[in-house]
Amino acid sequence: MTKEMIKIQNEPAYAKDYEFIVARECDGEYWFWGAYEDGYIAECAAIEIGGVMFHNVKIQGKRG
């Protein structure tokens, strides 16, 4: 599933510059948790909160 297919609630503007986004699902919606350059760290965060990691395939690491 790509990030562009879904809406992440409360996602800050800076998050679009990161390769990995972590969100938590609540009542059928995804809520922003964090933005990461490193996939391993993002995956660990997703596991820790019982969330989902989304991969922005247009970016490698952090843009800008």
PDB file of N, CA and C in Angstrom:
ATOM      1  N   MET A   1       0.854  -1.167   0.000  1.00  0.00           N
ATOM      2  CA  MET A   1       0.000   0.000   0.000  1.00  0.00           C
ATOM      3  C   MET A   1       0.900   1.231   0.000  1.00  0.00           C
ATOM      4  N   THR A   2       0.634   2.140  -0.896  1.00  0.00           N
ATOM      5  CA  THR A   2       1.435   3.359  -0.930  1.00  0.00           C
ATOM      6  C   THR A   2       0.722   4.464  -0.174  1.00  0.00           C
ATOM      7  N   LYS A   3       1.481   5.414   0.291  1.00  0.00           N
ATOM      8  CA  LYS A   3       0.941   6.519   1.062  1.00  0.00           C
ATOM      9  C   LYS A   3      -0.052   7.337   0.249  1.00  0.00           C
ATOM     10  N   GLU A   4       0.159   7.450  -1.065  1.00  0.00           N
ATOM     11  CA  GLU A   4      -0.714   8.271  -1.895  1.00  0.00           C
ATOM     12  C   GLU A   4      -2.121   7.704  -2.004  1.00  0.00           C
ATOM     13  N   MET A   5      -2.313   6.444  -1.666  1.00  0.00           N
ATOM     14  CA  MET A   5      -3.629   5.817  -1.757  1.00  0.00           C
ATOM     15  C   MET A   5      -4.500   6.136  -0.552  1.00  0.00           C
ATOM     16  N   ILE A   6      -3.928   6.620   0.514  1.00  0.00           N
ATOM     17  CA  ILE A   6      -4.698   6.843   1.729  1.00  0.00           C
ATOM     18  C   ILE A   6      -4.411   8.222   2.302  1.00  0.00           C
ATOM     19  N   LYS A   7      -5.298   8.667   3.150  1.00  0.00           N
ATOM     20  CA  LYS A   7      -5.143   9.940   3.845  1.00  0.00           C
ATOM     21  C   LYS A   7      -4.643   9.655   5.251  1.00  0.00           C
ATOM     22  N   ILE A   8      -3.583  10.346   5.644  1.00  0.00           N
ATOM     23  CA  ILE A   8      -3.068  10.228   7.003  1.00  0.00           C
ATOM     24  C   ILE A   8      -3.454  11.506   7.748  1.00  0.00           C
ATOM     25  N   GLN A   9      -4.260  11.336   8.764  1.00  0.00           N
ATOM     26  CA  GLN A   9      -4.741  12.467   9.556  1.00  0.00           C
ATOM     27  C   GLN A   9      -3.597  13.093  10.350  1.00  0.00           C
ATOM     28  N   ASN A  10      -3.662  14.418  10.497  1.00  0.00           N
ATOM     29  CA  ASN A  10      -2.721  15.163  11.335  1.00  0.00           C
ATOM     30  C   ASN A  10      -1.277  15.078  10.845  1.00  0.00           C
ATOM     31  N   GLU A  11      -1.096  14.789   9.561  1.00  0.00           N
ATOM     32  CA  GLU A  11       0.257  14.681   9.007  1.00  0.00           C
ATOM     33  C   GLU A  11       0.835  16.083   8.775  1.00  0.00           C
ATOM     34  N   PRO A  12       1.969  16.401   9.389  1.00  0.00           N
ATOM     35  CA  PRO A  12       2.571  17.722   9.186  1.00  0.00           C
ATOM     36  C   PRO A  12       3.199  17.839   7.798  1.00  0.00           C
ATOM     37  N   ALA A  13       3.350  19.050   7.326  1.00  0.00           N
ATOM     38  CA  ALA A  13       3.888  19.292   5.985  1.00  0.00           C
ATOM     39  C   ALA A  13       5.283  18.704   5.806  1.00  0.00           C
ATOM     40  N   TYR A  14       6.112  18.736   6.849  1.00  0.00           N
ATOM     41  CA  TYR A  14       7.483  18.244   6.709  1.00  0.00           C
ATOM     42  C   TYR A  14       7.552  16.747   6.405  1.00  0.00           C
ATOM     43  N   ALA A  15       6.513  16.008   6.748  1.00  0.00           N
ATOM     44  CA  ALA A  15       6.538  14.548   6.592  1.00  0.00           C
ATOM     45  C   ALA A  15       6.667  14.122   5.136  1.00  0.00           C
ATOM     46  N   LYS A  16       6.205  14.945   4.199  1.00  0.00           N
ATOM     47  CA  LYS A  16       6.301  14.581   2.781  1.00  0.00           C
ATOM     48  C   LYS A  16       7.751  14.520   2.294  1.00  0.00           C
ATOM     49  N   ASP A  17       8.666  15.047   3.083  1.00  0.00           N
ATOM     50  CA  ASP A  17      10.079  15.039   2.712  1.00  0.00           C
ATOM     51  C   ASP A  17      10.829  13.809   3.217  1.00  0.00           C
ATOM     52  N   TYR A  18      10.134  12.892   3.861  1.00  0.00           N
ATOM     53  CA  TYR A  18      10.757  11.691   4.405  1.00  0.00           C
ATOM     54  C   TYR A  18      10.313  10.441   3.658  1.00  0.00           C
ATOM     55  N   GLU A  19      11.204   9.473   3.626  1.00  0.00           N
ATOM     56  CA  GLU A  19      10.947   8.226   2.897  1.00  0.00           C
ATOM     57  C   GLU A  19       9.937   7.329   3.613  1.00  0.00           C
ATOM     58  N   PHE A  20       9.897   7.362   4.938  1.00  0.00           N
ATOM     59  CA  PHE A  20       9.027   6.462   5.696  1.00  0.00           C
ATOM     60  C   PHE A  20       8.135   7.247   6.646  1.00  0.00           C
ATOM     61  N   ILE A  21       6.859   6.909   6.632  1.00  0.00           N
ATOM     62  CA  ILE A  21       5.876   7.517   7.513  1.00  0.00           C
ATOM     63  C   ILE A  21       5.267   6.406   8.362  1.00  0.00           C
ATOM     64  N   VAL A  22       5.138   6.659   9.649  1.00  0.00           N
ATOM     65  CA  VAL A  22       4.494   5.704  10.544  1.00  0.00           C
ATOM     66  C   VAL A  22       3.185   6.328  11.016  1.00  0.00           C
ATOM     67  N   ALA A  23       2.138   5.518  10.973  1.00  0.00           N
ATOM     68  CA  ALA A  23       0.824   5.969  11.404  1.00  0.00           C
ATOM     69  C   ALA A  23       0.156   4.865  12.206  1.00  0.00           C
ATOM     70  N   ARG A  24      -0.800   5.267  12.992  1.00  0.00           N
ATOM     71  CA  ARG A  24      -1.588   4.329  13.801  1.00  0.00           C
ATOM     72  C   ARG A  24      -3.022   4.352  13.277  1.00  0.00           C
ATOM     73  N   GLU A  25      -3.618   3.166  13.139  1.00  0.00           N
ATOM     74  CA  GLU A  25      -5.002   3.093  12.678  1.00  0.00           C
ATOM     75  C   GLU A  25      -5.948   3.206  13.865  1.00  0.00           C
ATOM     76  N   CYS A  26      -6.963   4.029  13.712  1.00  0.00           N
ATOM     77  CA  CYS A  26      -7.971   4.215  14.746  1.00  0.00           C
ATOM     78  C   CYS A  26      -9.312   4.472  14.065  1.00  0.00           C
ATOM     79  N   ASP A  27     -10.264   3.606  14.297  1.00  0.00           N
ATOM     80  CA  ASP A  27     -11.608   3.740  13.726  1.00  0.00           C
ATOM     81  C   ASP A  27     -11.582   3.898  12.204  1.00  0.00           C
ATOM     82  N   GLY A  28     -10.731   3.126  11.550  1.00  0.00           N
ATOM     83  CA  GLY A  28     -10.676   3.131  10.090  1.00  0.00           C
ATOM     84  C   GLY A  28      -9.889   4.275   9.487  1.00  0.00           C
ATOM     85  N   GLU A  29      -9.264   5.102  10.305  1.00  0.00           N
ATOM     86  CA  GLU A  29      -8.442   6.209   9.810  1.00  0.00           C
ATOM     87  C   GLU A  29      -7.002   6.001  10.278  1.00  0.00           C
ATOM     88  N   TYR A  30      -6.065   6.541   9.505  1.00  0.00           N
ATOM     89  CA  TYR A  30      -4.656   6.493   9.887  1.00  0.00           C
ATOM     90  C   TYR A  30      -4.264   7.844  10.462  1.00  0.00           C
ATOM     91  N   TRP A  31      -3.591   7.813  11.613  1.00  0.00           N
ATOM     92  CA  TRP A  31      -3.159   9.021  12.301  1.00  0.00           C
ATOM     93  C   TRP A  31      -1.636   9.050  12.372  1.00  0.00           C
ATOM     94  N   PHE A  32      -1.079  10.175  11.997  1.00  0.00           N
ATOM     95  CA  PHE A  32       0.369  10.360  11.926  1.00  0.00           C
ATOM     96  C   PHE A  32       1.023  10.098  13.271  1.00  0.00           C
ATOM     97  N   TRP A  33       2.158   9.383  13.211  1.00  0.00           N
ATOM     98  CA  TRP A  33       2.965   9.124  14.405  1.00  0.00           C
ATOM     99  C   TRP A  33       4.371   9.700  14.244  1.00  0.00           C
ATOM    100  N   GLY A  34       4.996   9.497  13.059  1.00  0.00           N
ATOM    101  CA  GLY A  34       6.346   9.994  12.867  1.00  0.00           C
ATOM    102  C   GLY A  34       6.813   9.832  11.428  1.00  0.00           C
ATOM    103  N   ALA A  35       7.891  10.536  11.097  1.00  0.00           N
ATOM    104  CA  ALA A  35       8.499  10.484   9.767  1.00  0.00           C
ATOM    105  C   ALA A  35       9.976  10.134   9.942  1.00  0.00           C
ATOM    106  N   TYR A  36      10.471   9.227   9.100  1.00  0.00           N
ATOM    107  CA  TYR A  36      11.813   8.684   9.313  1.00  0.00           C
ATOM    108  C   TYR A  36      12.594   8.564   8.012  1.00  0.00           C
ATOM    109  N   GLU A  37      13.902   8.718   8.107  1.00  0.00           N
ATOM    110  CA  GLU A  37      14.816   8.476   6.994  1.00  0.00           C
ATOM    111  C   GLU A  37      15.171   6.999   6.893  1.00  0.00           C
ATOM    112  N   ASP A  38      15.190   6.316   8.005  1.00  0.00           N
ATOM    113  CA  ASP A  38      15.665   4.936   8.096  1.00  0.00           C
ATOM    114  C   ASP A  38      14.487   3.968   8.231  1.00  0.00           C
ATOM    115  N   GLY A  39      14.397   3.022   7.308  1.00  0.00           N
ATOM    116  CA  GLY A  39      13.305   2.063   7.297  1.00  0.00           C
ATOM    117  C   GLY A  39      13.281   1.160   8.513  1.00  0.00           C
ATOM    118  N   TYR A  40      14.447   0.790   9.005  1.00  0.00           N
ATOM    119  CA  TYR A  40      14.510  -0.078  10.188  1.00  0.00           C
ATOM    120  C   TYR A  40      13.933   0.632  11.411  1.00  0.00           C
ATOM    121  N   ILE A  41      14.326   1.881  11.596  1.00  0.00           N
ATOM    122  CA  ILE A  41      13.829   2.645  12.742  1.00  0.00           C
ATOM    123  C   ILE A  41      12.330   2.879  12.599  1.00  0.00           C
ATOM    124  N   ALA A  42      11.873   3.165  11.384  1.00  0.00           N
ATOM    125  CA  ALA A  42      10.438   3.349  11.151  1.00  0.00           C
ATOM    126  C   ALA A  42       9.666   2.066  11.439  1.00  0.00           C
ATOM    127  N   GLU A  43      10.203   0.939  11.012  1.00  0.00           N
ATOM    128  CA  GLU A  43       9.544  -0.339  11.264  1.00  0.00           C
ATOM    129  C   GLU A  43       9.478  -0.637  12.761  1.00  0.00           C
ATOM    130  N   CYS A  44      10.551  -0.360  13.473  1.00  0.00           N
ATOM    131  CA  CYS A  44      10.560  -0.566  14.928  1.00  0.00           C
ATOM    132  C   CYS A  44       9.502   0.316  15.599  1.00  0.00           C
ATOM    133  N   ALA A  45       9.386   1.565  15.156  1.00  0.00           N
ATOM    134  CA  ALA A  45       8.382   2.470  15.724  1.00  0.00           C
ATOM    135  C   ALA A  45       6.977   1.950  15.438  1.00  0.00           C
ATOM    136  N   ALA A  46       6.753   1.476  14.219  1.00  0.00           N
ATOM    137  CA  ALA A  46       5.438   0.946  13.853  1.00  0.00           C
ATOM    138  C   ALA A  46       5.081  -0.266  14.705  1.00  0.00           C
ATOM    139  N   ILE A  47       6.031  -1.144  14.904  1.00  0.00           N
ATOM    140  CA  ILE A  47       5.792  -2.335  15.729  1.00  0.00           C
ATOM    141  C   ILE A  47       5.501  -1.925  17.170  1.00  0.00           C
ATOM    142  N   GLU A  48       6.276  -0.987  17.685  1.00  0.00           N
ATOM    143  CA  GLU A  48       6.125  -0.556  19.073  1.00  0.00           C
ATOM    144  C   GLU A  48       4.730   0.019  19.349  1.00  0.00           C
ATOM    145  N   ILE A  49       4.166   0.754  18.383  1.00  0.00           N
ATOM    146  CA  ILE A  49       2.855   1.379  18.607  1.00  0.00           C
ATOM    147  C   ILE A  49       1.705   0.555  18.023  1.00  0.00           C
ATOM    148  N   GLY A  50       2.031  -0.570  17.388  1.00  0.00           N
ATOM    149  CA  GLY A  50       0.992  -1.362  16.737  1.00  0.00           C
ATOM    150  C   GLY A  50       0.444  -0.649  15.519  1.00  0.00           C
ATOM    151  N   GLY A  51       1.336   0.079  14.827  1.00  0.00           N
ATOM    152  CA  GLY A  51       0.937   0.891  13.684  1.00  0.00           C
ATOM    153  C   GLY A  51       1.381   0.308  12.363  1.00  0.00           C
ATOM    154  N   VAL A  52       1.414   1.174  11.376  1.00  0.00           N
ATOM    155  CA  VAL A  52       1.740   0.805  10.005  1.00  0.00           C
ATOM    156  C   VAL A  52       2.842   1.724   9.498  1.00  0.00           C
ATOM    157  N   MET A  53       3.768   1.161   8.729  1.00  0.00           N
ATOM    158  CA  MET A  53       4.816   1.948   8.098  1.00  0.00           C
ATOM    159  C   MET A  53       4.473   2.102   6.625  1.00  0.00           C
ATOM    160  N   PHE A  54       4.484   3.333   6.134  1.00  0.00           N
ATOM    161  CA  PHE A  54       4.262   3.613   4.724  1.00  0.00           C
ATOM    162  C   PHE A  54       5.576   4.047   4.092  1.00  0.00           C
ATOM    163  N   HIS A  55       5.815   3.589   2.877  1.00  0.00           N
ATOM    164  CA  HIS A  55       7.055   3.890   2.171  1.00  0.00           C
ATOM    165  C   HIS A  55       6.766   4.857   1.038  1.00  0.00           C
ATOM    166  N   ASN A  56       7.396   6.015   1.072  1.00  0.00           N
ATOM    167  CA  ASN A  56       7.284   6.984  -0.010  1.00  0.00           C
ATOM    168  C   ASN A  56       8.370   6.629  -1.030  1.00  0.00           C
ATOM    169  N   VAL A  57       8.013   5.922  -2.070  1.00  0.00           N
ATOM    170  CA  VAL A  57       9.001   5.399  -3.019  1.00  0.00           C
ATOM    171  C   VAL A  57       9.650   6.491  -3.852  1.00  0.00           C
ATOM    172  N   LYS A  58       9.133   7.712  -3.804  1.00  0.00           N
ATOM    173  CA  LYS A  58       9.704   8.822  -4.563  1.00  0.00           C
ATOM    174  C   LYS A  58      10.917   9.446  -3.864  1.00  0.00           C
ATOM    175  N   ILE A  59      11.149   9.053  -2.618  1.00  0.00           N
ATOM    176  CA  ILE A  59      12.218   9.663  -1.824  1.00  0.00           C
ATOM    177  C   ILE A  59      13.121   8.562  -1.272  1.00  0.00           C
ATOM    178  N   GLN A  60      14.414   8.835  -1.249  1.00  0.00           N
ATOM    179  CA  GLN A  60      15.365   7.949  -0.575  1.00  0.00           C
ATOM    180  C   GLN A  60      16.017   8.749   0.531  1.00  0.00           C
ATOM    181  N   GLY A  61      15.741   8.368   1.766  1.00  0.00           N
ATOM    182  CA  GLY A  61      16.281   9.099   2.921  1.00  0.00           C
ATOM    183  C   GLY A  61      15.415  10.282   3.258  1.00  0.00           C
ATOM    184  N   LYS A  62      15.954  11.475   3.193  1.00  0.00           N
ATOM    185  CA  LYS A  62      15.213  12.713   3.474  1.00  0.00           C
ATOM    186  C   LYS A  62      15.505  13.685   2.353  1.00  0.00           C
ATOM    187  N   ARG A  63      14.440  14.292   1.844  1.00  0.00           N
ATOM    188  CA  ARG A  63      14.604  15.293   0.792  1.00  0.00           C
ATOM    189  C   ARG A  63      14.932  16.623   1.439  1.00  0.00           C
ATOM    190  N   GLY A  64      15.870  17.336   0.851  1.00  0.00           N
ATOM    191  CA  GLY A  64      16.162  18.688   1.292  1.00  0.00           C
ATOM    192  C   GLY A  64      17.168  18.848   2.331  1.00  0.00           C
TER     193      GLY A  64
END
